[in-house]
N, C-alpha and C. Protein backbone atom coordinates (compact mmCIF):
# COMPACT_ATOMS: atom_id res chain seq x y z
N MET A 1 0.86 -1.11 0.07
CA MET A 1 0.05 -0.12 -0.05
C MET A 1 1.18 1.22 0.09
N TYR A 2 0.54 1.96 -0.91
CA TYR A 2 1.28 3.63 -1.03
C TYR A 2 0.47 4.53 -0.30
N SER A 3 0.67 5.35 0.56
CA SER A 3 0.10 6.32 1.27
C SER A 3 0.80 7.90 1.41
N MET A 4 -0.14 8.60 0.87
CA MET A 4 0.57 10.30 0.74
C MET A 4 -0.18 10.97 1.45
N THR A 5 0.18 12.24 2.10
CA THR A 5 -0.64 12.93 2.58
C THR A 5 -0.69 14.08 1.35
N LYS A 6 -1.77 15.04 1.51
CA LYS A 6 -2.03 16.19 0.75
C LYS A 6 -1.09 16.93 0.11
N GLU A 7 -0.24 17.40 1.59
CA GLU A 7 0.67 18.12 1.32
C GLU A 7 1.91 17.48 0.62
N SER A 8 2.00 16.27 0.48
CA SER A 8 3.48 15.26 0.04
C SER A 8 2.62 15.27 -1.70
N GLN A 9 1.25 14.92 -1.57
CA GLN A 9 1.03 14.95 -3.58
C GLN A 9 1.17 16.37 -4.16
N ASN A 10 1.08 17.51 -3.52
CA ASN A 10 1.30 18.76 -4.10
C ASN A 10 2.76 18.90 -4.60
N VAL A 11 3.85 18.05 -3.74
CA VAL A 11 5.08 18.17 -3.41
C VAL A 11 5.77 17.16 -4.98
N PHE A 12 5.60 16.23 -4.70
CA PHE A 12 6.35 14.99 -5.20
C PHE A 12 5.47 14.58 -6.26
N LYS A 13 6.21 13.94 -7.33
CA LYS A 13 5.56 12.98 -8.65
C LYS A 13 5.07 11.81 -8.14
N HIS A 14 3.71 11.54 -8.17
CA HIS A 14 3.52 10.05 -7.88
C HIS A 14 2.82 9.18 -8.63
N GLY A 15 2.89 8.23 -9.14
CA GLY A 15 1.95 7.26 -9.85
C GLY A 15 1.98 5.53 -9.71
N ILE A 16 1.33 4.83 -10.35
CA ILE A 16 1.73 3.44 -10.57
C ILE A 16 2.30 3.10 -11.64
N LEU A 17 3.38 2.54 -11.53
CA LEU A 17 4.07 2.10 -12.82
C LEU A 17 3.43 0.95 -13.45
N PRO A 18 3.47 0.74 -14.48
CA PRO A 18 3.11 -0.64 -15.11
C PRO A 18 3.67 -1.55 -14.83
N ASN A 19 3.24 -2.82 -14.76
CA ASN A 19 3.62 -4.11 -14.08
C ASN A 19 4.32 -4.89 -15.58
N PRO A 20 5.44 -5.11 -15.65
CA PRO A 20 6.24 -6.00 -16.88
C PRO A 20 5.59 -6.99 -17.13
N ASN A 21 5.45 -8.11 -15.89
CA ASN A 21 4.50 -9.44 -15.93
C ASN A 21 3.52 -9.29 -16.06
N ASN A 22 2.51 -7.91 -16.21
CA ASN A 22 1.18 -8.07 -16.43
C ASN A 22 0.65 -7.03 -16.79
N SER A 23 -0.44 -7.23 -17.54
CA SER A 23 -0.77 -5.85 -18.37
C SER A 23 -1.55 -5.33 -17.71
N ASN A 24 -2.17 -5.72 -16.65
CA ASN A 24 -3.34 -5.17 -15.71
C ASN A 24 -2.43 -4.28 -14.77
N ARG A 25 -3.14 -3.29 -13.91
CA ARG A 25 -2.79 -2.34 -13.41
C ARG A 25 -4.00 -1.92 -12.10
N TYR A 26 -4.09 -1.82 -10.99
CA TYR A 26 -4.75 -1.16 -10.49
C TYR A 26 -4.56 -0.24 -9.22
N SER A 27 -5.23 1.04 -9.10
CA SER A 27 -5.07 2.18 -8.45
C SER A 27 -6.49 2.58 -7.74
N ILE A 28 -6.07 2.22 -6.72
CA ILE A 28 -7.83 2.44 -5.63
C ILE A 28 -7.33 3.55 -4.84
N THR A 29 -8.20 4.75 -4.54
CA THR A 29 -7.76 5.93 -3.81
C THR A 29 -8.75 5.89 -2.91
N PHE A 30 -8.63 5.98 -1.61
CA PHE A 30 -9.29 6.29 -0.51
C PHE A 30 -9.18 7.40 -0.06
N ARG A 31 -9.83 8.22 0.22
CA ARG A 31 -10.09 9.64 0.89
C ARG A 31 -10.46 10.13 2.08
N CYS A 32 -10.00 10.61 3.04
CA CYS A 32 -10.62 11.27 4.31
C CYS A 32 -10.72 12.32 4.24
N VAL A 33 -11.84 13.11 4.39
CA VAL A 33 -12.28 14.50 4.58
C VAL A 33 -12.48 14.94 5.92
N HIS A 34 -12.07 15.99 6.23
CA HIS A 34 -12.02 16.32 7.47
C HIS A 34 -13.60 16.84 7.70
N TRP A 35 -13.85 16.95 8.92
CA TRP A 35 -15.54 17.20 9.13
C TRP A 35 -15.61 18.68 8.70
N LYS A 36 -14.58 19.29 8.88
CA LYS A 36 -14.67 20.82 8.60
C LYS A 36 -14.65 21.52 7.01
N TYR A 37 -14.35 20.49 6.50
CA TYR A 37 -14.37 20.45 4.84
C TYR A 37 -15.37 19.83 4.23
N LEU A 38 -16.77 19.19 4.89
CA LEU A 38 -17.61 18.67 4.20
C LEU A 38 -18.37 19.51 3.53
N ASN A 39 -18.55 20.69 3.89
CA ASN A 39 -19.13 21.86 3.31
C ASN A 39 -18.00 22.39 2.10
N SER A 40 -17.25 22.20 1.46
CA SER A 40 -16.19 22.97 0.83
C SER A 40 -16.76 23.58 -0.74
N THR A 41 -16.41 24.65 -1.20
CA THR A 41 -17.07 25.16 -1.92
C THR A 41 -16.60 25.73 -2.91
N TYR A 42 -16.42 25.69 -4.53
CA TYR A 42 -16.01 26.23 -5.52
C TYR A 42 -16.86 27.13 -6.16
N ALA A 43 -16.31 28.38 -6.10
CA ALA A 43 -17.53 29.32 -6.68
C ALA A 43 -16.92 29.90 -8.12
N VAL A 44 -17.60 29.68 -9.13
CA VAL A 44 -17.00 30.16 -10.17
C VAL A 44 -17.88 30.99 -11.24
N GLY A 45 -17.47 32.14 -11.43
CA GLY A 45 -18.13 33.03 -12.74
C GLY A 45 -17.47 34.41 -12.78
N ASP A 46 -18.63 35.09 -13.33
CA ASP A 46 -18.06 36.54 -14.06
C ASP A 46 -17.93 37.52 -12.80
N SER A 47 -17.41 38.73 -13.60
CA SER A 47 -17.54 39.85 -12.18
C SER A 47 -18.66 39.98 -11.53
N ASN A 48 -19.64 39.16 -11.48
CA ASN A 48 -20.64 39.22 -10.35
C ASN A 48 -20.62 38.84 -9.04
N PHE A 49 -19.55 38.04 -9.22
CA PHE A 49 -19.08 37.20 -8.16
C PHE A 49 -17.84 38.14 -7.56
N GLY A 50 -17.44 38.83 -7.96
CA GLY A 50 -16.61 39.60 -7.04
C GLY A 50 -16.38 39.93 -5.83
N LYS A 51 -17.39 40.13 -4.99
CA LYS A 51 -17.26 40.50 -3.57
C LYS A 51 -17.47 39.06 -2.86
N ILE A 52 -17.30 37.75 -3.46
CA ILE A 52 -17.88 36.67 -2.61
C ILE A 52 -15.87 36.71 -1.96
N LYS A 53 -15.75 36.36 -1.10
CA LYS A 53 -14.54 35.99 -0.14
C LYS A 53 -14.73 35.01 0.76
N PHE A 54 -13.78 33.63 0.57
CA PHE A 54 -13.88 32.61 1.71
C PHE A 54 -12.49 33.23 2.85
N GLY A 55 -13.11 32.77 4.09
CA GLY A 55 -12.12 33.06 4.76
C GLY A 55 -13.09 33.25 6.22
N GLU A 56 -12.22 33.96 7.28
CA GLU A 56 -13.09 33.99 8.49
C GLU A 56 -13.19 35.71 8.84
N GLY A 57 -14.05 36.19 9.69
CA GLY A 57 -14.58 37.42 9.73
C GLY A 57 -15.81 37.96 8.79
N ILE A 58 -15.89 39.26 9.07
CA ILE A 58 -16.59 40.21 8.82
C ILE A 58 -16.73 40.05 6.93
N GLY A 59 -18.12 39.87 6.60
CA GLY A 59 -17.57 40.08 4.67
C GLY A 59 -17.05 38.51 4.00
N TYR A 60 -16.93 37.66 5.10
CA TYR A 60 -16.48 36.44 4.49
C TYR A 60 -17.27 35.42 4.75
N VAL A 61 -17.43 34.25 3.64
CA VAL A 61 -18.48 33.09 3.61
C VAL A 61 -18.16 32.70 5.01
N GLY A 62 -17.29 32.41 5.98
CA GLY A 62 -17.30 31.78 7.08
C GLY A 62 -16.06 30.47 7.06
N LYS A 63 -15.70 30.43 8.13
CA LYS A 63 -14.80 28.87 8.14
C LYS A 63 -15.48 27.65 8.17
N SER A 64 -16.92 27.77 8.35
CA SER A 64 -17.62 26.18 8.08
C SER A 64 -17.63 25.86 6.67
N THR A 65 -17.34 26.93 5.81
CA THR A 65 -17.63 26.72 4.33
C THR A 65 -16.20 27.34 3.68
N PRO A 66 -15.02 26.38 3.80
CA PRO A 66 -13.66 26.70 3.21
C PRO A 66 -14.15 26.59 1.37
N GLY A 67 -13.09 27.50 0.94
CA GLY A 67 -13.47 27.28 -0.42
C GLY A 67 -12.53 27.97 -1.25
N LEU A 68 -12.93 28.01 -2.91
CA LEU A 68 -11.99 28.99 -3.99
C LEU A 68 -13.26 29.29 -4.92
N LYS A 69 -12.51 30.67 -5.07
CA LYS A 69 -13.19 31.54 -5.98
C LYS A 69 -12.41 31.59 -7.32
N ASP A 70 -13.09 31.34 -8.59
CA ASP A 70 -12.49 31.30 -9.92
C ASP A 70 -13.21 32.47 -10.65
N PHE A 71 -12.42 33.21 -11.35
CA PHE A 71 -13.36 33.68 -12.65
C PHE A 71 -13.06 33.05 -14.06
N ALA A 72 -14.67 33.25 -14.48
CA ALA A 72 -14.71 32.38 -15.71
C ALA A 72 -15.92 33.61 -16.02
N PRO A 73 -15.70 34.21 -17.45
CA PRO A 73 -16.23 35.43 -17.98
C PRO A 73 -17.28 34.98 -18.72
N THR A 74 -17.24 34.03 -19.32
CA THR A 74 -17.71 32.98 -20.50
C THR A 74 -18.33 31.69 -20.14
N VAL A 75 -19.24 31.08 -20.54
CA VAL A 75 -19.37 29.44 -20.38
C VAL A 75 -17.95 28.87 -20.98
N GLU A 76 -17.45 29.48 -22.06
CA GLU A 76 -16.36 28.57 -22.44
C GLU A 76 -15.25 28.29 -21.63
N SER A 77 -14.55 29.58 -20.70
CA SER A 77 -14.03 29.38 -20.28
C SER A 77 -13.79 28.86 -18.83
N ILE A 78 -15.43 27.97 -18.38
CA ILE A 78 -15.25 27.26 -17.37
C ILE A 78 -14.27 25.95 -17.60
N GLU A 79 -13.49 25.68 -16.26
CA GLU A 79 -13.01 24.06 -16.44
C GLU A 79 -13.60 23.55 -15.50
N PRO A 80 -14.19 22.33 -16.10
CA PRO A 80 -14.64 21.33 -14.87
C PRO A 80 -13.85 20.81 -13.83
N SER A 81 -12.65 20.72 -14.40
CA SER A 81 -11.58 19.63 -13.97
C SER A 81 -11.28 20.28 -12.36
N LYS A 82 -11.41 21.98 -12.66
CA LYS A 82 -11.06 22.57 -11.44
C LYS A 82 -12.16 22.37 -9.91
N CYS A 83 -13.45 21.74 -10.35
CA CYS A 83 -14.49 21.56 -9.54
C CYS A 83 -14.53 20.09 -8.92
N LEU A 84 -13.58 19.48 -9.41
CA LEU A 84 -13.55 18.05 -8.89
C LEU A 84 -13.58 17.68 -7.19
N SER A 85 -12.75 18.63 -6.80
CA SER A 85 -12.72 18.20 -5.29
C SER A 85 -12.98 19.31 -4.29
N TYR A 86 -14.63 19.78 -4.47
CA TYR A 86 -15.15 20.40 -3.63
C TYR A 86 -16.58 19.78 -3.70
N CYS A 87 -17.37 19.91 -2.11
CA CYS A 87 -18.54 19.15 -1.97
C CYS A 87 -19.86 20.43 -2.67
N ASN A 88 -19.49 21.31 -2.84
CA ASN A 88 -20.43 22.06 -3.42
C ASN A 88 -19.83 23.09 -4.94
N VAL A 89 -20.28 23.50 -5.65
CA VAL A 89 -19.95 24.07 -6.79
C VAL A 89 -21.05 24.96 -7.16
N VAL A 90 -20.62 26.34 -7.34
CA VAL A 90 -21.86 27.51 -7.63
C VAL A 90 -20.95 28.18 -8.68
N ILE A 91 -22.03 28.13 -9.89
CA ILE A 91 -21.51 28.68 -10.90
C ILE A 91 -22.20 29.29 -11.47
N MET A 92 -21.76 30.88 -11.86
CA MET A 92 -22.65 32.04 -12.21
C MET A 92 -21.95 32.53 -13.22
N CYS A 93 -22.37 32.22 -14.28
CA CYS A 93 -21.47 32.44 -15.75
C CYS A 93 -22.80 32.46 -17.01
N GLY A 94 -22.88 33.42 -17.89
CA GLY A 94 -23.24 33.12 -18.97
C GLY A 94 -23.52 34.33 -19.33
N THR A 95 -23.83 35.11 -18.54
CA THR A 95 -24.35 36.59 -19.29
C THR A 95 -23.79 36.98 -20.13
N ASN A 96 -22.29 37.15 -19.93
CA ASN A 96 -21.51 37.86 -20.78
C ASN A 96 -21.33 37.23 -22.20
N ASN A 97 -21.79 35.75 -22.13
CA ASN A 97 -22.00 35.09 -23.55
C ASN A 97 -23.27 35.66 -24.01
N LEU A 98 -24.55 35.97 -23.22
CA LEU A 98 -25.75 36.33 -23.70
C LEU A 98 -25.39 37.79 -24.24
N LYS A 99 -24.48 38.37 -24.10
CA LYS A 99 -24.67 40.22 -24.08
C LYS A 99 -23.87 39.97 -25.82
N LYS A 100 -23.52 39.01 -26.69
CA LYS A 100 -23.03 39.04 -27.73
C LYS A 100 -24.44 39.21 -28.76
N SER A 101 -23.81 39.80 -29.93
CA SER A 101 -24.93 39.91 -30.79
C SER A 101 -25.35 38.58 -31.57
N ASN A 102 -26.35 38.36 -31.58
CA ASN A 102 -26.68 37.07 -32.73
C ASN A 102 -26.47 36.02 -31.90
N VAL A 103 -26.63 35.90 -30.48
CA VAL A 103 -26.21 34.94 -29.58
C VAL A 103 -27.64 33.93 -29.70
N ASP A 104 -27.40 32.43 -29.86
CA ASP A 104 -28.22 31.50 -29.78
C ASP A 104 -28.15 31.06 -28.19
N VAL A 105 -29.33 31.05 -27.68
CA VAL A 105 -29.49 30.96 -26.19
C VAL A 105 -29.18 29.48 -26.31
N LEU A 106 -29.70 28.65 -27.49
CA LEU A 106 -29.56 27.18 -27.09
C LEU A 106 -28.87 26.75 -27.23
N GLU A 107 -27.79 26.98 -28.36
CA GLU A 107 -26.03 26.85 -28.24
C GLU A 107 -25.52 27.51 -26.94
N THR A 108 -25.61 28.24 -26.46
CA THR A 108 -24.91 28.31 -25.25
C THR A 108 -25.49 27.28 -24.20
N TYR A 109 -26.49 27.39 -24.01
CA TYR A 109 -26.58 26.24 -22.82
C TYR A 109 -26.37 25.05 -23.29
N LYS A 110 -26.44 24.44 -24.31
CA LYS A 110 -25.65 23.38 -25.03
C LYS A 110 -24.13 23.07 -24.55
N THR A 111 -23.45 24.42 -24.88
CA THR A 111 -22.12 24.37 -24.35
C THR A 111 -21.94 24.40 -23.12
N TYR A 112 -22.84 24.95 -22.00
CA TYR A 112 -22.42 24.71 -20.80
C TYR A 112 -23.09 23.55 -20.12
N LYS A 113 -23.96 23.00 -20.67
CA LYS A 113 -24.52 21.57 -20.64
C LYS A 113 -23.35 20.58 -20.82
N GLY A 114 -22.57 20.47 -22.07
CA GLY A 114 -21.37 19.96 -22.57
C GLY A 114 -20.44 19.72 -21.70
N LYS A 115 -20.03 20.95 -20.63
CA LYS A 115 -19.03 20.73 -19.77
C LYS A 115 -19.27 19.98 -18.33
N PHE A 116 -19.93 19.72 -18.11
CA PHE A 116 -20.67 18.88 -17.02
C PHE A 116 -21.11 17.52 -17.34
N GLU A 117 -21.25 16.74 -18.43
CA GLU A 117 -21.72 15.49 -18.89
C GLU A 117 -20.31 14.75 -19.17
């Protein structure tokens, strides 16, 4: 069994090398989420998300909701892979897509939906 802390995963390259005697290899990941991170939130959106701040104190979301805020001015600029490690994902994006002339709302919706299928 190979065990790494979250901190060491960010520093060291790691992986499961191919077995020369067998074409099959398996990697099973067990994760333990501390109770205070069960409400972790990833907020992605355009400039309307500007005032959201994660942390503690007045004007912040609060320590019971740790998270990350990311800027995505259009639907095309959302990166779904950034959403993977969060319990909650809040997306406020698409307004800038609709400001374009000759916009096809159905196509914008299909692009958005395709990001998460």
